[in-house]
Amino acid sequence: MKFTPRPAFDINATGADELGDLPEWNLSDLYESPDAAELKRDMDWLEEACASFAADYDGKLATLDAAGMLGCVLRYEKIDMIAGRIMSFIGLRYYQITTDAERAKALSDAQDKITTFTTPLVFFSLELNRIDDGALDGLFAENADLARYKPIFDRMRTMRPYQLSDELEKFLHDQSTVGSAAWNRLFDETIAGLEFQIGDETRGLEATLNDLTDQNRDTREAAAREVARVFGENVKLFARVHNTLAKEKEIEDRWRGMPTPQTGRHLSNHVEPEVVQALRDAVVDAYPKLSHRYYELKRKWLGLERMEVWDRNAPLPMESDRLVGWDEARETVLSAYGEFDPEMATLAEPFFDKGWIDAAVKPGKAPGAFAHPTVADVHPYVMLNYLGKPRDVMTLAHELGHGVHQRLAAGQGELLSSTPLTLAETASVFGEMLTFRRLLKNAPTQAERKVMLAGK
C-alpha cells in the first residue's frame, strides 16, 4: 500500500502561499518513470557489463599495455555512469518523499542489486594499487588519453597503505547495504516523518525550525522546546544510529590501520591533516574576538539579560519580516551571477526553467538542501526547502554555485568530474558570496547593512 502523506505537514501557515510558484523536479532527463523500459534496460545492461568486465580483467590488469589499460578505464567509466544514472533517479525520487514506502523500497532494492552487480569489480582498485609506480608512469607516457586519467589513479593509490585483503574488501562492499547505508536511511526517514505540534498546527521539521528565526521571542522559544521534546522522544533511536555508525567506522578504521578517526576523511578530501589542524586552531583562537564578541553584541541589540538557545538565530529588532518570493530570489541570484560573468548566469538559468530545482517544503521531503551532480551526460538537480527567509536566498545561491560548478566539470567525463568536498564547497561558497556582496552593496541604509552582516 502506498503511503499518502497527511496534509497536516503542509506549511501553508508559515506563508508558503506568498512565495509564488515554487518549482518541482522534472526527473525525465534521467528516466520517465520508475517503470520506464529504459530503466530496466540499463539495469540489465549493468548486470552483464559488470560480469563481463570482471571476466575480462580480473587478475590481468598488470599485463595490459597502454591501449588496453585505456580501454579498461573507459569500460569502467561507462559502468560508473550507468550505475550513477540509475541511483540518481531512484535516490532523488526517494528524497522527494522519504516516508513513501514504495520509494523507500525502490531505493533499497536498487542499492541491493547494484551492490551485488558491482561486487565483482572490487578487484579493480586493489589490483591497480599493486602495480608498480614506474610501470604505471610508463603507461601514462605512452598514451596521452590514458594519462588524462592519472588523477583517478592517484586518488585510488592514496588508499594503498590501508587496503585489506581482496576477500575482506569484497565482504565490506557486499554488506554495505545493511551497514551504514541502512542506518543512514533509517535516520533520514525518521527525521522526515517527525511531527511537531505548534499551537493547533502539526508541522514537519523544516517549518518548525523556521520559527527559530521569528521576531517574536515566545514563538522562537515554543519552537525550540517542541524540537527538544520530539527529539527527546526519539533520543534512543538517534543514539543507536549514532553509536552503531561510530562503532562500525572504528572497527573498519582499526582493521585498515588508519592512525586517526579523521584519516579517511582527509584522504577523501585530498587535504593534509596538518592543514585541517591549522584551520581548526585558527578558528578556535578567533572565538573570543569573533564569536564571543558577536553574541555579546547581539545580546545587547536584542535587549536581553541572558541569551537562550532560541535566541542564537533571532533576527535583529530592526530586521524586516518580509518574505522573499521565488521570482525575486531568482532575479537576485541570477543578477549577482551575471554581474560576475554572464556565462555564470546562463549556466544557472536552466535550473529555474527546466525543472532542475525542487524548492517547496513538502510532506515527507528530506530536510536541508543539496546539489546532486547526477552523471556527466545529464545535469545536476538542486533540492531546497524554501521558506522565503533571506537565508533561503543564500542557500539557493550556495546550491546553484555547486550546480554551475557541476555543469562546468561535466565535460571532464564521469570519473574526472568528481571533486573532493573541499573544492566543491569553494564553488558553492563563491556563488553564495557573490549574491551576498551584491545585496550588501545595494542595501539602501546602514541599518540594513548591519542586519545583513549580523545574519551572516
Protein backbone atom coordinates (compact mmCIF):
# COMPACT_ATOMS: atom_id res chain seq x y z
CA MET A 1 0.00 0.00 0.00
CA LYS A 2 1.41 3.38 -0.98
CA PHE A 3 1.81 5.80 1.90
CA THR A 4 -0.02 9.08 1.34
CA PRO A 5 1.40 11.91 3.49
CA ARG A 6 -1.14 13.81 5.51
CA PRO A 7 -1.92 17.48 4.75
CA ALA A 8 -1.11 18.30 8.38
CA PHE A 9 2.54 18.51 7.36
CA ASP A 10 1.86 21.28 4.85
CA ILE A 11 3.48 24.58 5.77
CA ASN A 12 0.89 26.93 4.31
CA ALA A 13 0.52 28.55 7.71
CA THR A 14 4.12 29.78 7.54
CA GLY A 15 3.46 31.86 4.45
CA ALA A 16 4.21 29.46 1.60
CA ASP A 17 1.35 30.93 -0.46
CA GLU A 18 3.21 34.24 -0.55
CA LEU A 19 6.30 32.73 -2.15
CA GLY A 20 4.93 32.26 -5.65
CA ASP A 21 5.03 29.19 -7.86
CA LEU A 22 7.77 27.04 -6.37
CA PRO A 23 9.34 24.61 -8.86
CA GLU A 24 9.44 20.83 -8.61
CA TRP A 25 11.87 18.40 -10.15
CA ASN A 26 11.31 17.01 -13.60
CA LEU A 27 13.40 13.84 -13.47
CA SER A 28 12.58 12.74 -17.02
CA ASP A 29 16.08 13.64 -18.21
CA LEU A 30 17.16 10.61 -16.18
CA TYR A 31 14.15 8.31 -16.71
CA GLU A 32 10.50 8.99 -17.47
CA SER A 33 9.18 6.88 -14.60
CA PRO A 34 10.12 4.09 -12.17
CA ASP A 35 8.70 1.52 -14.60
CA ALA A 36 10.30 3.02 -17.72
CA ALA A 37 11.63 0.45 -20.18
CA GLU A 38 14.91 2.39 -20.32
CA LEU A 39 15.45 1.91 -16.59
CA LYS A 40 15.05 -1.86 -16.86
CA ARG A 41 17.26 -1.87 -19.96
CA ASP A 42 20.04 -0.05 -18.12
CA MET A 43 19.75 -2.29 -15.06
CA ASP A 44 20.03 -5.38 -17.26
CA TRP A 45 22.97 -3.85 -19.16
CA LEU A 46 24.72 -3.06 -15.88
CA GLU A 47 24.48 -6.63 -14.64
CA GLU A 48 26.01 -8.00 -17.83
CA ALA A 49 28.63 -5.23 -18.11
CA CYS A 50 29.92 -5.82 -14.57
CA ALA A 51 30.15 -9.57 -15.10
CA SER A 52 31.96 -9.26 -18.44
CA PHE A 53 34.33 -6.59 -17.07
CA ALA A 54 35.37 -8.88 -14.23
CA ALA A 55 35.76 -11.82 -16.62
CA ASP A 56 37.96 -9.79 -18.97
CA TYR A 57 40.19 -8.01 -16.45
CA ASP A 58 40.22 -9.69 -13.03
CA GLY A 59 43.81 -10.78 -12.38
CA LYS A 60 45.04 -9.30 -15.67
CA LEU A 61 45.48 -5.55 -15.10
CA ALA A 62 49.25 -5.80 -14.68
CA THR A 63 49.54 -7.41 -18.12
CA LEU A 64 47.76 -4.63 -20.04
CA ASP A 65 49.58 -2.28 -22.37
CA ALA A 66 48.66 1.42 -22.50
CA ALA A 67 45.88 0.98 -25.06
CA GLY A 68 44.48 -1.97 -23.15
CA MET A 69 44.51 -0.05 -19.88
CA LEU A 70 42.72 2.87 -21.53
CA GLY A 71 40.04 0.52 -22.84
CA CYS A 72 39.65 -0.93 -19.36
CA VAL A 73 39.26 2.53 -17.79
CA LEU A 74 36.70 3.60 -20.39
CA ARG A 75 34.60 0.50 -19.77
CA TYR A 76 34.80 1.09 -16.02
CA GLU A 77 33.72 4.71 -16.55
CA LYS A 78 30.68 3.64 -18.59
CA ILE A 79 29.66 1.24 -15.82
CA ASP A 80 30.07 4.02 -13.27
CA MET A 81 27.90 6.35 -15.36
CA ILE A 82 25.03 3.91 -15.87
CA ALA A 83 25.01 2.90 -12.20
CA GLY A 84 25.09 6.59 -11.27
CA ARG A 85 22.18 7.41 -13.56
CA ILE A 86 20.03 4.66 -12.05
CA MET A 87 20.82 5.56 -8.45
CA SER A 88 20.43 9.29 -9.12
CA PHE A 89 16.89 8.81 -10.41
CA ILE A 90 15.80 6.44 -7.67
CA GLY A 91 17.59 8.40 -4.95
CA LEU A 92 16.15 11.78 -5.98
CA ARG A 93 12.63 10.33 -6.07
CA TYR A 94 13.21 8.96 -2.59
CA TYR A 95 14.36 12.30 -1.18
CA GLN A 96 11.22 13.97 -2.51
CA ILE A 97 9.13 11.82 -0.13
CA THR A 98 11.34 9.72 2.14
CA THR A 99 8.31 8.49 4.07
CA ASP A 100 6.75 6.88 0.98
CA ALA A 101 7.02 3.10 1.28
CA GLU A 102 7.19 2.48 -2.47
CA ARG A 103 10.06 4.93 -2.96
CA ALA A 104 11.93 3.59 0.06
CA LYS A 105 11.58 0.03 -1.24
CA ALA A 106 12.72 1.08 -4.72
CA LEU A 107 15.85 2.66 -3.24
CA SER A 108 16.61 -0.37 -1.09
CA ASP A 109 16.07 -2.78 -3.99
CA ALA A 110 18.26 -0.74 -6.35
CA GLN A 111 21.05 -0.45 -3.79
CA ASP A 112 20.93 -4.20 -3.25
CA LYS A 113 21.01 -5.03 -6.96
CA ILE A 114 23.77 -2.59 -7.86
CA THR A 115 25.88 -3.62 -4.88
CA THR A 116 25.55 -7.25 -5.98
CA PHE A 117 26.37 -6.38 -9.60
CA THR A 118 29.43 -4.31 -8.68
CA THR A 119 30.96 -6.55 -6.02
CA PRO A 120 32.99 -8.40 -8.71
CA LEU A 121 34.55 -5.03 -9.64
CA VAL A 122 36.22 -4.55 -6.25
CA PHE A 123 39.36 -6.09 -7.73
CA PHE A 124 39.87 -3.05 -9.99
CA SER A 125 41.28 -0.60 -7.45
CA LEU A 126 43.01 -3.36 -5.47
CA GLU A 127 44.92 -4.66 -8.49
CA LEU A 128 45.78 -1.20 -9.74
CA ASN A 129 47.30 -0.38 -6.37
CA ARG A 130 49.54 -3.43 -6.62
CA ILE A 131 51.05 -2.26 -9.91
CA ASP A 132 54.45 -0.60 -9.52
CA ASP A 133 54.51 3.20 -9.81
CA GLY A 134 57.15 3.04 -12.52
CA ALA A 135 55.07 0.67 -14.63
CA LEU A 136 52.04 2.96 -14.44
CA ASP A 137 54.15 6.01 -15.26
CA GLY A 138 55.40 4.19 -18.33
CA LEU A 139 51.83 3.55 -19.50
CA PHE A 140 50.93 7.21 -18.99
CA ALA A 141 53.98 8.27 -21.00
CA GLU A 142 52.91 6.05 -23.89
CA ASN A 143 49.31 7.20 -24.16
CA ALA A 144 48.12 10.78 -23.63
CA ASP A 145 44.46 9.71 -23.45
CA LEU A 146 45.30 7.34 -20.61
CA ALA A 147 47.49 9.96 -18.90
CA ARG A 148 44.43 12.19 -18.71
CA TYR A 149 43.05 9.76 -16.11
CA LYS A 150 46.16 9.92 -13.91
CA PRO A 151 44.31 11.88 -11.17
CA ILE A 152 41.93 8.93 -10.81
CA PHE A 153 44.83 6.53 -10.35
CA ASP A 154 46.47 8.91 -7.87
CA ARG A 155 43.23 9.14 -5.89
CA MET A 156 42.93 5.36 -5.66
CA ARG A 157 46.56 4.98 -4.64
CA THR A 158 46.10 7.14 -1.54
CA MET A 159 44.23 4.15 -0.09
CA ARG A 160 47.05 1.72 -0.89
CA PRO A 161 48.51 1.70 2.66
CA TYR A 162 45.08 0.89 4.09
CA GLN A 163 43.87 -1.84 1.73
CA LEU A 164 42.63 -5.09 3.19
CA SER A 165 42.70 -8.48 1.50
CA ASP A 166 40.63 -8.94 -1.64
CA GLU A 167 38.17 -11.15 0.26
CA LEU A 168 37.66 -8.65 3.06
CA GLU A 169 37.24 -5.75 0.63
CA LYS A 170 34.57 -7.70 -1.26
CA PHE A 171 32.85 -8.56 2.01
CA LEU A 172 32.76 -4.90 3.10
CA HIS A 173 31.36 -3.85 -0.27
CA ASP A 174 28.75 -6.61 -0.27
CA GLN A 175 27.47 -5.94 3.24
CA SER A 176 27.38 -2.14 2.85
CA THR A 177 23.64 -2.11 2.10
CA VAL A 178 22.89 -3.45 5.59
CA GLY A 179 25.59 -1.35 7.25
CA SER A 180 25.96 2.42 7.23
CA ALA A 181 23.63 2.92 4.25
CA ALA A 182 20.76 1.24 6.08
CA TRP A 183 21.33 3.18 9.29
CA ASN A 184 21.54 6.48 7.40
CA ARG A 185 18.31 5.70 5.58
CA LEU A 186 16.58 4.90 8.89
CA PHE A 187 17.71 8.28 10.24
CA ASP A 188 16.57 10.14 7.10
CA GLU A 189 13.14 8.54 7.14
CA THR A 190 12.71 9.12 10.87
CA ILE A 191 13.65 12.81 10.65
CA ALA A 192 11.40 13.40 7.64
CA GLY A 193 8.43 11.76 9.38
CA LEU A 194 8.64 13.60 12.71
CA GLU A 195 5.61 15.65 13.76
CA PHE A 196 5.81 18.85 15.81
CA GLN A 197 2.83 20.47 17.50
CA ILE A 198 2.93 24.28 17.39
CA GLY A 199 -0.31 25.58 18.86
CA ASP A 200 -3.11 23.91 16.93
CA GLU A 201 -0.88 23.14 13.95
CA THR A 202 1.01 19.92 13.24
CA ARG A 203 4.19 20.53 11.25
CA GLY A 204 7.29 18.89 9.88
CA LEU A 205 10.84 19.73 10.92
CA GLU A 206 11.63 22.46 8.37
CA ALA A 207 8.57 24.55 9.16
CA THR A 208 9.24 24.22 12.89
CA LEU A 209 12.90 25.20 12.61
CA ASN A 210 11.80 28.21 10.57
CA ASP A 211 10.21 29.63 13.74
CA LEU A 212 13.66 29.85 15.34
CA THR A 213 14.28 32.92 13.16
CA ASP A 214 10.99 34.61 14.05
CA GLN A 215 10.98 38.12 15.53
CA ASN A 216 8.73 37.02 18.39
CA ARG A 217 10.76 35.51 21.21
CA ASP A 218 7.84 33.45 22.51
CA THR A 219 7.46 31.90 19.05
CA ARG A 220 11.15 31.02 18.99
CA GLU A 221 11.02 29.51 22.47
CA ALA A 222 7.94 27.44 21.67
CA ALA A 223 9.63 26.03 18.56
CA ALA A 224 12.86 25.26 20.40
CA ARG A 225 11.06 23.49 23.23
CA GLU A 226 8.94 21.48 20.80
CA VAL A 227 12.00 20.41 18.81
CA ALA A 228 13.68 19.38 22.07
CA ARG A 229 10.57 17.44 23.15
CA VAL A 230 10.21 15.50 19.90
CA PHE A 231 13.94 14.84 19.58
CA GLY A 232 13.95 13.71 23.21
CA GLU A 233 11.21 11.19 22.48
CA ASN A 234 13.40 9.77 19.72
CA VAL A 235 16.74 10.04 21.52
CA LYS A 236 17.12 6.27 21.98
CA LEU A 237 16.80 5.68 18.25
CA PHE A 238 19.13 8.57 17.40
CA ALA A 239 21.68 7.31 19.93
CA ARG A 240 21.51 3.80 18.48
CA VAL A 241 22.07 5.13 14.95
CA HIS A 242 24.96 7.35 16.04
CA ASN A 243 26.69 4.77 18.22
CA THR A 244 26.33 2.00 15.64
CA LEU A 245 27.77 4.15 12.85
CA ALA A 246 30.61 5.33 15.09
CA LYS A 247 31.49 1.78 16.12
CA GLU A 248 31.28 0.49 12.56
CA LYS A 249 33.73 3.19 11.48
CA GLU A 250 36.05 2.46 14.40
CA ILE A 251 36.17 -1.24 13.50
CA GLU A 252 36.89 -0.63 9.82
CA ASP A 253 39.49 2.07 10.59
CA ARG A 254 41.22 -0.29 13.02
CA TRP A 255 41.34 -3.14 10.52
CA ARG A 256 42.68 -0.79 7.85
CA GLY A 257 45.32 0.57 10.20
CA MET A 258 44.23 4.18 9.90
CA PRO A 259 46.06 6.21 12.54
CA THR A 260 43.18 8.54 13.47
CA PRO A 261 39.40 8.67 13.02
CA GLN A 262 39.93 11.67 10.72
CA THR A 263 42.34 9.93 8.33
CA GLY A 264 39.68 8.57 5.99
CA ARG A 265 38.04 11.98 5.69
CA HIS A 266 41.37 13.69 4.99
CA LEU A 267 42.09 11.19 2.22
CA SER A 268 38.63 11.71 0.74
CA ASN A 269 39.05 15.49 0.87
CA HIS A 270 42.58 15.37 -0.63
CA VAL A 271 43.88 17.52 2.19
CA GLU A 272 46.77 17.06 4.60
CA PRO A 273 45.90 16.64 8.30
CA GLU A 274 48.28 19.48 9.19
CA VAL A 275 46.23 21.86 7.03
CA VAL A 276 42.99 20.85 8.74
CA GLN A 277 44.57 21.19 12.18
CA ALA A 278 45.91 24.65 11.33
CA LEU A 279 42.46 25.73 10.14
CA ARG A 280 40.83 24.34 13.27
CA ASP A 281 43.34 26.06 15.54
CA ALA A 282 42.88 29.40 13.78
CA VAL A 283 39.10 29.20 14.16
CA VAL A 284 39.30 28.27 17.85
CA ASP A 285 41.82 31.04 18.53
CA ALA A 286 39.40 33.52 16.96
CA TYR A 287 36.46 32.56 19.21
CA PRO A 288 36.98 35.43 21.70
CA LYS A 289 37.36 38.19 19.11
CA LEU A 290 34.65 36.94 16.75
CA SER A 291 32.05 34.53 18.13
CA HIS A 292 32.09 35.65 21.76
CA ARG A 293 32.12 39.33 20.86
CA TYR A 294 29.37 38.87 18.26
CA TYR A 295 26.99 37.13 20.67
CA GLU A 296 27.63 39.75 23.33
CA LEU A 297 26.76 42.46 20.81
CA LYS A 298 23.67 40.52 19.77
CA ARG A 299 22.56 40.17 23.38
CA LYS A 300 22.71 43.95 23.73
CA TRP A 301 20.94 44.56 20.41
CA LEU A 302 18.13 42.22 21.49
CA GLY A 303 17.92 43.91 24.89
CA LEU A 304 18.35 40.65 26.82
CA GLU A 305 19.91 39.96 30.20
CA ARG A 306 20.85 36.48 29.01
CA MET A 307 20.62 34.80 25.62
CA GLU A 308 18.97 31.40 25.42
CA VAL A 309 19.43 28.77 22.75
CA TRP A 310 16.34 30.04 20.91
CA ASP A 311 17.96 33.48 20.59
CA ARG A 312 21.02 32.32 18.65
CA ASN A 313 19.34 32.69 15.25
CA ALA A 314 16.98 35.50 16.20
CA PRO A 315 16.76 38.38 13.74
CA LEU A 316 17.78 41.83 14.92
CA PRO A 317 14.91 44.03 16.16
CA MET A 318 15.13 46.33 13.14
CA GLU A 319 15.06 43.45 10.63
CA SER A 320 12.05 43.24 8.34
CA ASP A 321 9.96 40.08 8.42
CA ARG A 322 9.12 40.43 4.72
CA LEU A 323 9.26 37.15 2.83
CA VAL A 324 11.28 36.94 -0.37
CA GLY A 325 9.16 35.48 -3.16
CA TRP A 326 10.59 32.90 -5.52
CA ASP A 327 10.73 35.23 -8.53
CA GLU A 328 12.65 37.81 -6.51
CA ALA A 329 15.05 35.16 -5.23
CA ARG A 330 15.67 34.00 -8.79
CA GLU A 331 16.34 37.54 -10.02
CA THR A 332 18.63 38.26 -7.07
CA VAL A 333 20.85 35.23 -7.62
CA LEU A 334 20.96 35.38 -11.42
CA SER A 335 21.78 39.09 -11.35
CA ALA A 336 24.61 38.51 -8.89
CA TYR A 337 25.99 35.69 -11.00
CA GLY A 338 25.59 37.73 -14.19
CA GLU A 339 27.45 40.72 -12.75
CA PHE A 340 30.44 38.47 -12.18
CA ASP A 341 30.21 36.82 -15.61
CA PRO A 342 27.18 36.50 -17.92
CA GLU A 343 28.09 32.87 -18.61
CA MET A 344 27.64 32.02 -14.94
CA ALA A 345 24.06 33.29 -15.05
CA THR A 346 23.48 31.46 -18.34
CA LEU A 347 24.64 28.20 -16.76
CA ALA A 348 22.36 28.73 -13.74
CA GLU A 349 19.22 29.76 -15.64
CA PRO A 350 18.07 26.28 -16.78
CA PHE A 351 17.80 25.21 -13.15
CA PHE A 352 14.82 27.56 -12.85
CA ASP A 353 13.27 26.91 -16.26
CA LYS A 354 13.66 23.17 -16.80
CA GLY A 355 12.64 21.54 -13.53
CA TRP A 356 16.13 21.13 -12.09
CA ILE A 357 15.12 22.59 -8.69
CA ASP A 358 12.71 21.15 -6.12
CA ALA A 359 12.05 24.11 -3.83
CA ALA A 360 8.91 23.70 -1.72
CA VAL A 361 8.66 22.25 1.77
CA LYS A 362 6.52 19.16 1.28
CA PRO A 363 5.23 16.26 3.38
CA GLY A 364 7.95 13.67 3.94
CA LYS A 365 10.58 15.57 1.96
CA ALA A 366 14.15 15.31 3.20
CA PRO A 367 15.18 18.35 5.26
CA GLY A 368 18.01 20.66 4.28
CA ALA A 369 19.38 21.34 0.82
CA PHE A 370 21.81 19.83 -1.66
CA ALA A 371 23.00 19.89 -5.27
CA HIS A 372 23.33 16.43 -6.79
CA PRO A 373 25.54 16.20 -9.91
CA THR A 374 23.81 13.00 -11.17
CA VAL A 375 26.01 11.92 -14.10
CA ALA A 376 28.17 13.74 -16.62
CA ASP A 377 25.83 13.24 -19.59
CA VAL A 378 22.74 14.65 -17.83
CA HIS A 379 22.83 17.65 -15.44
CA PRO A 380 22.66 18.43 -11.71
CA TYR A 381 19.50 18.74 -9.62
CA VAL A 382 19.12 21.10 -6.65
CA MET A 383 16.93 20.40 -3.62
CA LEU A 384 15.79 23.18 -1.28
CA ASN A 385 13.26 23.70 1.47
CA TYR A 386 12.45 27.28 0.53
CA LEU A 387 10.54 29.36 3.08
CA GLY A 388 11.29 32.87 1.85
CA LYS A 389 13.75 33.99 4.52
CA PRO A 390 16.94 35.83 3.44
CA ARG A 391 18.94 32.77 4.50
CA ASP A 392 16.90 30.73 2.00
CA VAL A 393 18.06 33.05 -0.78
CA MET A 394 21.64 32.48 0.39
CA THR A 395 21.01 28.72 0.35
CA LEU A 396 19.71 28.98 -3.22
CA ALA A 397 22.84 30.90 -4.23
CA HIS A 398 25.04 28.36 -2.43
CA GLU A 399 23.48 25.30 -4.06
CA LEU A 400 23.49 26.92 -7.50
CA GLY A 401 27.22 27.53 -7.00
CA HIS A 402 27.52 23.76 -6.76
CA GLY A 403 25.25 23.35 -9.75
CA VAL A 404 27.22 25.70 -12.01
CA HIS A 405 30.48 24.02 -10.98
CA GLN A 406 29.00 20.58 -11.66
CA ARG A 407 27.82 21.66 -15.12
CA LEU A 408 31.25 23.04 -15.97
CA ALA A 409 33.01 19.93 -14.65
CA ALA A 410 30.75 17.50 -16.54
CA GLY A 411 32.78 17.95 -19.71
CA GLN A 412 35.66 16.15 -17.99
CA GLY A 413 33.70 12.90 -18.04
CA GLU A 414 32.18 10.77 -15.30
CA LEU A 415 35.36 9.87 -13.42
CA LEU A 416 37.23 13.15 -13.71
CA SER A 417 34.24 15.39 -12.96
CA SER A 418 34.05 14.10 -9.39
CA THR A 419 35.56 16.53 -6.91
CA PRO A 420 36.51 16.39 -3.22
CA LEU A 421 34.34 18.21 -0.71
CA THR A 422 36.99 20.86 -0.12
CA LEU A 423 36.92 22.02 -3.74
CA ALA A 424 33.17 21.56 -4.13
CA GLU A 425 32.44 23.89 -1.21
CA THR A 426 34.76 26.52 -2.65
CA ALA A 427 32.47 26.78 -5.68
CA SER A 428 29.27 26.92 -3.63
CA VAL A 429 30.54 29.50 -1.15
CA PHE A 430 31.75 31.57 -4.10
CA GLY A 431 28.23 31.63 -5.55
CA GLU A 432 26.77 32.46 -2.16
CA MET A 433 29.20 35.31 -1.51
CA LEU A 434 28.64 36.82 -4.97
CA THR A 435 24.97 37.12 -4.03
CA PHE A 436 25.62 38.36 -0.51
CA ARG A 437 28.03 41.06 -1.65
CA ARG A 438 25.59 42.28 -4.28
CA LEU A 439 22.81 42.56 -1.70
CA LEU A 440 25.17 44.27 0.74
CA LYS A 441 26.28 46.78 -1.90
CA ASN A 442 22.68 47.59 -2.81
CA ALA A 443 21.37 47.85 0.76
CA PRO A 444 19.75 51.32 0.97
CA THR A 445 20.61 52.06 4.63
CA GLN A 446 23.33 51.36 7.16
CA ALA A 447 20.75 49.63 9.33
CA GLU A 448 20.01 47.12 6.57
CA ARG A 449 23.73 46.55 6.05
CA LYS A 450 24.05 45.87 9.76
CA VAL A 451 21.19 43.36 9.61
CA MET A 452 22.78 41.55 6.67
CA LEU A 453 26.23 41.39 8.25
CA ALA A 454 24.80 40.20 11.57
CA GLY A 455 22.85 37.48 9.79
CA LYS A 456 25.95 36.29 8.00
